[in-house]
Every structure is written in C-alpha cells, then in structure tokens.
Amino acid sequence: MTRGYILVETLTAMAILSISVLAMNGALRQATLTMAMARDFTQARFVLEQVVGSVELKQIVDPGGASGRYGGSLSHFQWSYEITTIEMPVPPVQLNPENPAHAQLLQRLMNEDGEIELPVHYIPMVRAEVTWTRGGQRFTEVVETLLDPDRLRVEDEIQ
C-alpha cells in the first residue's frame, strides 16, 4: 500500500508541475510579445520623428508625398508622408475700429476694397505614417504637424 501511495503522489506532483510549466510558458510568451510590441512602438515613434524631421529641414516643400521601407533591424517598418494644405477661411470677427489694437489689425488685414484679407490662405500640413506587422497583426502610428506657409511651393494660388 505504501508503494501505491508514493506512485499516486508522484503522478499528482508531475501533473501539477506540468500545468505550472504550461502556465509559466504562456506567461513568458506573452511577456516576450509585449516587450517586442513596446520596442516596436518606440522605434516607430523614432521613425516618425525622422520622417517628419527630414521634411521640416527642407527649405521649400512640394505638395505630394513619398514612401519607403527601412533596412537592417528596422526592415519591418514602412513609412510614408503626404504634404497637403489646409485652407484658412476668414474668421467672422467683429473688430471695433475705435479700439487701437483693432485699428492696427484692421489696417494690416484690409485690402483696397475694405474687406479683411488674411496674409495666407492656407497652411501646409505634413501627415506621416509608419506601419509594421508583429505576430500577424498590422500596426500603424500617425503624426501630423503644420509647416510655415512660406515654405510651400505652389504652382497656382489655392482658391
């Protein structure tokens, strides 16, 4: 009877140990995947900063965009950017010409017809996007930023 009891104890201990090992294996796998995803999001942010920075360093930018893929350890990242314009409508503002601050602003913004005209009618916007795949899932990070209107090359005035 003692020998049978030891056999049952051993089998029970082996079953508990097997279940524990399976649970630990799943936890370690999930931790590894989470760490890799965190690293990917950090690297994607650096890639975005590099793409936007390369556009911001240009003296003159053209509307349109570009795309590409990194090499080496970042080969799973694809990037793209697009430069578009955001139109600036004239705000419906009530300015009082008797107020000195309003009078100065009116003097700068009024055209010959007495209508308020903004110095720029648009602002260029850069939209950069990085995509990658991890564990069969596709991830995307996007950043948008505005540029100085004087740096945008336009063929015709945007209406």
C-alpha atoms as a PDB file:
ATOM      1  CA  MET A   1       0.000   0.000   0.000  1.00  0.00           C
ATOM      2  CA  THR A   2       2.859   2.404   0.707  1.00  0.00           C
ATOM      3  CA  ARG A   3       4.264   1.869  -2.761  1.00  0.00           C
ATOM      4  CA  GLY A   4       0.907   2.670  -4.411  1.00  0.00           C
ATOM      5  CA  TYR A   5       0.590   5.801  -2.299  1.00  0.00           C
ATOM      6  CA  ILE A   6       4.015   7.020  -3.452  1.00  0.00           C
ATOM      7  CA  LEU A   7       3.042   6.361  -7.086  1.00  0.00           C
ATOM      8  CA  VAL A   8      -0.173   8.437  -6.738  1.00  0.00           C
ATOM      9  CA  GLU A   9       1.782  11.231  -5.022  1.00  0.00           C
ATOM     10  CA  THR A  10       4.367  11.214  -7.794  1.00  0.00           C
ATOM     11  CA  LEU A  11       1.753  11.276 -10.561  1.00  0.00           C
ATOM     12  CA  THR A  12      -0.125  14.111  -8.835  1.00  0.00           C
ATOM     13  CA  ALA A  13       3.077  16.121  -8.379  1.00  0.00           C
ATOM     14  CA  MET A  14       4.014  15.555 -12.047  1.00  0.00           C
ATOM     15  CA  ALA A  15       0.553  16.718 -13.183  1.00  0.00           C
ATOM     16  CA  ILE A  16       0.749  19.865 -11.044  1.00  0.00           C
ATOM     17  CA  LEU A  17       4.285  20.538 -12.279  1.00  0.00           C
ATOM     18  CA  SER A  18       3.204  20.090 -15.924  1.00  0.00           C
ATOM     19  CA  ILE A  19       0.288  22.511 -15.515  1.00  0.00           C
ATOM     20  CA  SER A  20       2.599  25.032 -13.809  1.00  0.00           C
ATOM     21  CA  VAL A  21       5.184  24.774 -16.584  1.00  0.00           C
ATOM     22  CA  LEU A  22       2.487  25.298 -19.245  1.00  0.00           C
ATOM     23  CA  ALA A  23       1.164  28.374 -17.407  1.00  0.00           C
ATOM     24  CA  MET A  24       4.662  29.823 -17.000  1.00  0.00           C
ATOM     25  CA  ASN A  25       5.430  29.149 -20.662  1.00  0.00           C
ATOM     26  CA  GLY A  26       2.294  31.067 -21.713  1.00  0.00           C
ATOM     27  CA  ALA A  27       3.137  33.951 -19.374  1.00  0.00           C
ATOM     28  CA  LEU A  28       6.727  34.154 -20.687  1.00  0.00           C
ATOM     29  CA  ARG A  29       5.497  34.054 -24.294  1.00  0.00           C
ATOM     30  CA  GLN A  30       3.043  36.890 -23.603  1.00  0.00           C
ATOM     31  CA  ALA A  31       5.729  38.919 -21.804  1.00  0.00           C
ATOM     32  CA  THR A  32       8.104  38.482 -24.755  1.00  0.00           C
ATOM     33  CA  LEU A  33       5.413  39.563 -27.223  1.00  0.00           C
ATOM     34  CA  THR A  34       4.505  42.586 -25.086  1.00  0.00           C
ATOM     35  CA  MET A  35       8.171  43.614 -24.848  1.00  0.00           C
ATOM     36  CA  ALA A  36       8.580  43.289 -28.627  1.00  0.00           C
ATOM     37  CA  MET A  37       5.458  45.374 -29.242  1.00  0.00           C
ATOM     38  CA  ALA A  38       6.655  48.073 -26.835  1.00  0.00           C
ATOM     39  CA  ARG A  39      10.005  48.144 -28.655  1.00  0.00           C
ATOM     40  CA  ASP A  40       8.182  48.392 -31.999  1.00  0.00           C
ATOM     41  CA  PHE A  41       6.067  51.335 -30.852  1.00  0.00           C
ATOM     42  CA  THR A  42       9.171  53.112 -29.542  1.00  0.00           C
ATOM     43  CA  GLN A  43      11.061  52.508 -32.787  1.00  0.00           C
ATOM     44  CA  ALA A  44       8.010  53.567 -34.813  1.00  0.00           C
ATOM     45  CA  ARG A  45       7.957  56.871 -32.939  1.00  0.00           C
ATOM     46  CA  PHE A  46      11.626  57.439 -33.780  1.00  0.00           C
ATOM     47  CA  VAL A  47      10.953  56.579 -37.436  1.00  0.00           C
ATOM     48  CA  LEU A  48       8.080  59.085 -37.484  1.00  0.00           C
ATOM     49  CA  GLU A  49      10.277  61.768 -35.957  1.00  0.00           C
ATOM     50  CA  GLN A  50      12.957  61.095 -38.565  1.00  0.00           C
ATOM     51  CA  VAL A  51      10.477  61.269 -41.466  1.00  0.00           C
ATOM     52  CA  VAL A  52       8.846  64.487 -40.232  1.00  0.00           C
ATOM     53  CA  GLY A  53      12.252  65.960 -39.365  1.00  0.00           C
ATOM     54  CA  SER A  54      13.555  65.323 -42.875  1.00  0.00           C
ATOM     55  CA  VAL A  55      10.559  67.215 -44.293  1.00  0.00           C
ATOM     56  CA  GLU A  56      10.903  70.064 -41.795  1.00  0.00           C
ATOM     57  CA  LEU A  57      14.590  70.514 -42.676  1.00  0.00           C
ATOM     58  CA  LYS A  58      13.794  71.283 -46.313  1.00  0.00           C
ATOM     59  CA  GLN A  59      13.801  74.963 -47.248  1.00  0.00           C
ATOM     60  CA  ILE A  60      10.964  74.527 -49.765  1.00  0.00           C
ATOM     61  CA  VAL A  61       8.492  71.646 -49.738  1.00  0.00           C
ATOM     62  CA  ASP A  62       6.287  70.490 -52.597  1.00  0.00           C
ATOM     63  CA  PRO A  63       2.735  69.226 -52.167  1.00  0.00           C
ATOM     64  CA  GLY A  64       2.575  65.466 -52.506  1.00  0.00           C
ATOM     65  CA  GLY A  65       4.364  62.732 -50.674  1.00  0.00           C
ATOM     66  CA  ALA A  66       6.822  59.898 -50.569  1.00  0.00           C
ATOM     67  CA  SER A  67       7.086  56.436 -49.067  1.00  0.00           C
ATOM     68  CA  GLY A  68       9.711  53.827 -48.379  1.00  0.00           C
ATOM     69  CA  ARG A  69      10.947  50.961 -46.252  1.00  0.00           C
ATOM     70  CA  TYR A  70      13.795  50.885 -43.785  1.00  0.00           C
ATOM     71  CA  GLY A  71      16.580  48.334 -43.933  1.00  0.00           C
ATOM     72  CA  GLY A  72      18.537  46.389 -41.356  1.00  0.00           C
ATOM     73  CA  SER A  73      16.912  45.903 -37.969  1.00  0.00           C
ATOM     74  CA  LEU A  74      14.067  48.249 -38.971  1.00  0.00           C
ATOM     75  CA  SER A  75      13.187  46.361 -42.161  1.00  0.00           C
ATOM     76  CA  HIS A  76       9.667  45.594 -40.937  1.00  0.00           C
ATOM     77  CA  PHE A  77       8.793  49.338 -40.885  1.00  0.00           C
ATOM     78  CA  GLN A  78       7.209  51.046 -43.884  1.00  0.00           C
ATOM     79  CA  TRP A  79       6.877  54.830 -43.819  1.00  0.00           C
ATOM     80  CA  SER A  80       5.047  57.381 -45.886  1.00  0.00           C
ATOM     81  CA  TYR A  81       4.276  61.069 -45.695  1.00  0.00           C
ATOM     82  CA  GLU A  82       1.976  63.423 -47.513  1.00  0.00           C
ATOM     83  CA  ILE A  83       2.039  67.204 -47.647  1.00  0.00           C
ATOM     84  CA  THR A  84      -1.374  68.792 -48.100  1.00  0.00           C
ATOM     85  CA  THR A  85      -2.787  72.238 -47.473  1.00  0.00           C
ATOM     86  CA  ILE A  86      -5.403  73.331 -45.004  1.00  0.00           C
ATOM     87  CA  GLU A  87      -7.440  76.279 -46.211  1.00  0.00           C
ATOM     88  CA  MET A  88      -7.807  79.203 -43.853  1.00  0.00           C
ATOM     89  CA  PRO A  89     -11.203  80.904 -44.116  1.00  0.00           C
ATOM     90  CA  VAL A  90     -11.579  84.487 -42.966  1.00  0.00           C
ATOM     91  CA  PRO A  91     -12.967  84.302 -39.440  1.00  0.00           C
ATOM     92  CA  PRO A  92     -16.239  86.149 -38.801  1.00  0.00           C
ATOM     93  CA  VAL A  93     -14.743  88.601 -36.321  1.00  0.00           C
ATOM     94  CA  GLN A  94     -16.295  91.871 -35.252  1.00  0.00           C
ATOM     95  CA  LEU A  95     -13.478  94.386 -34.979  1.00  0.00           C
ATOM     96  CA  ASN A  96     -14.036  97.796 -33.444  1.00  0.00           C
ATOM     97  CA  PRO A  97     -12.070 100.468 -35.385  1.00  0.00           C
ATOM     98  CA  GLU A  98     -12.141 102.726 -32.310  1.00  0.00           C
ATOM     99  CA  ASN A  99     -10.076 100.211 -30.327  1.00  0.00           C
ATOM    100  CA  PRO A 100      -6.378 100.973 -31.076  1.00  0.00           C
ATOM    101  CA  ALA A 101      -5.365  97.296 -31.192  1.00  0.00           C
ATOM    102  CA  HIS A 102      -8.263  96.505 -33.541  1.00  0.00           C
ATOM    103  CA  ALA A 103      -7.473  99.520 -35.697  1.00  0.00           C
ATOM    104  CA  GLN A 104      -3.865  98.340 -36.209  1.00  0.00           C
ATOM    105  CA  LEU A 105      -5.045  94.849 -37.102  1.00  0.00           C
ATOM    106  CA  LEU A 106      -7.685  96.193 -39.477  1.00  0.00           C
ATOM    107  CA  GLN A 107      -5.101  98.410 -41.159  1.00  0.00           C
ATOM    108  CA  ARG A 108      -2.865  95.375 -41.815  1.00  0.00           C
ATOM    109  CA  LEU A 109      -5.613  92.995 -42.938  1.00  0.00           C
ATOM    110  CA  MET A 110      -7.858  95.222 -45.087  1.00  0.00           C
ATOM    111  CA  ASN A 111      -7.442  95.264 -48.833  1.00  0.00           C
ATOM    112  CA  GLU A 112      -8.323  98.106 -51.222  1.00  0.00           C
ATOM    113  CA  ASP A 113     -11.991  97.076 -51.265  1.00  0.00           C
ATOM    114  CA  GLY A 114     -12.301  97.371 -47.490  1.00  0.00           C
ATOM    115  CA  GLU A 115     -12.563  93.595 -46.976  1.00  0.00           C
ATOM    116  CA  ILE A 116     -10.488  91.641 -44.481  1.00  0.00           C
ATOM    117  CA  GLU A 117      -7.870  89.572 -46.273  1.00  0.00           C
ATOM    118  CA  LEU A 118      -5.604  87.135 -44.464  1.00  0.00           C
ATOM    119  CA  PRO A 119      -1.879  87.180 -45.315  1.00  0.00           C
ATOM    120  CA  VAL A 120      -2.039  83.443 -46.127  1.00  0.00           C
ATOM    121  CA  HIS A 121      -4.993  81.423 -47.345  1.00  0.00           C
ATOM    122  CA  TYR A 122      -3.604  78.015 -46.436  1.00  0.00           C
ATOM    123  CA  ILE A 123      -1.215  76.235 -44.093  1.00  0.00           C
ATOM    124  CA  PRO A 124       0.806  73.199 -45.246  1.00  0.00           C
ATOM    125  CA  MET A 125       0.297  70.057 -43.173  1.00  0.00           C
ATOM    126  CA  VAL A 126       2.579  67.026 -43.065  1.00  0.00           C
ATOM    127  CA  ARG A 127       0.939  63.697 -42.259  1.00  0.00           C
ATOM    128  CA  ALA A 128       3.453  60.907 -41.653  1.00  0.00           C
ATOM    129  CA  GLU A 129       2.528  57.270 -41.151  1.00  0.00           C
ATOM    130  CA  VAL A 130       4.533  54.209 -40.142  1.00  0.00           C
ATOM    131  CA  THR A 131       3.143  50.681 -40.476  1.00  0.00           C
ATOM    132  CA  TRP A 132       4.557  47.326 -39.409  1.00  0.00           C
ATOM    133  CA  THR A 133       3.464  43.780 -38.669  1.00  0.00           C
ATOM    134  CA  ARG A 134       4.042  41.870 -35.435  1.00  0.00           C
ATOM    135  CA  GLY A 135       2.540  38.498 -34.590  1.00  0.00           C
ATOM    136  CA  GLY A 136       0.316  38.541 -37.659  1.00  0.00           C
ATOM    137  CA  GLN A 137      -1.238  41.890 -36.708  1.00  0.00           C
ATOM    138  CA  ARG A 138      -0.752  45.156 -38.578  1.00  0.00           C
ATOM    139  CA  PHE A 139       0.043  48.279 -36.545  1.00  0.00           C
ATOM    140  CA  THR A 140       0.041  51.925 -37.591  1.00  0.00           C
ATOM    141  CA  GLU A 141       1.337  55.108 -35.979  1.00  0.00           C
ATOM    142  CA  VAL A 142       0.459  58.526 -37.416  1.00  0.00           C
ATOM    143  CA  VAL A 143       1.666  62.055 -36.692  1.00  0.00           C
ATOM    144  CA  GLU A 144       0.511  65.346 -38.201  1.00  0.00           C
ATOM    145  CA  THR A 145       2.226  68.704 -37.987  1.00  0.00           C
ATOM    146  CA  LEU A 146       1.906  72.116 -39.611  1.00  0.00           C
ATOM    147  CA  LEU A 147       4.626  73.965 -41.525  1.00  0.00           C
ATOM    148  CA  ASP A 148       5.344  77.604 -42.257  1.00  0.00           C
ATOM    149  CA  PRO A 149       3.208  78.670 -45.267  1.00  0.00           C
ATOM    150  CA  ASP A 150       6.177  80.441 -46.881  1.00  0.00           C
ATOM    151  CA  ARG A 151       7.984  77.117 -47.291  1.00  0.00           C
ATOM    152  CA  LEU A 152       5.353  75.522 -49.535  1.00  0.00           C
ATOM    153  CA  ARG A 153       5.918  75.715 -53.274  1.00  0.00           C
ATOM    154  CA  VAL A 154       2.623  76.093 -55.102  1.00  0.00           C
ATOM    155  CA  GLU A 155       2.061  76.223 -58.854  1.00  0.00           C
ATOM    156  CA  ASP A 156      -1.196  78.155 -58.679  1.00  0.00           C
ATOM    157  CA  GLU A 157      -2.758  80.055 -55.806  1.00  0.00           C
ATOM    158  CA  ILE A 158      -5.089  77.752 -53.853  1.00  0.00           C
ATOM    159  CA  GLN A 159      -8.615  79.065 -54.098  1.00  0.00           C
END
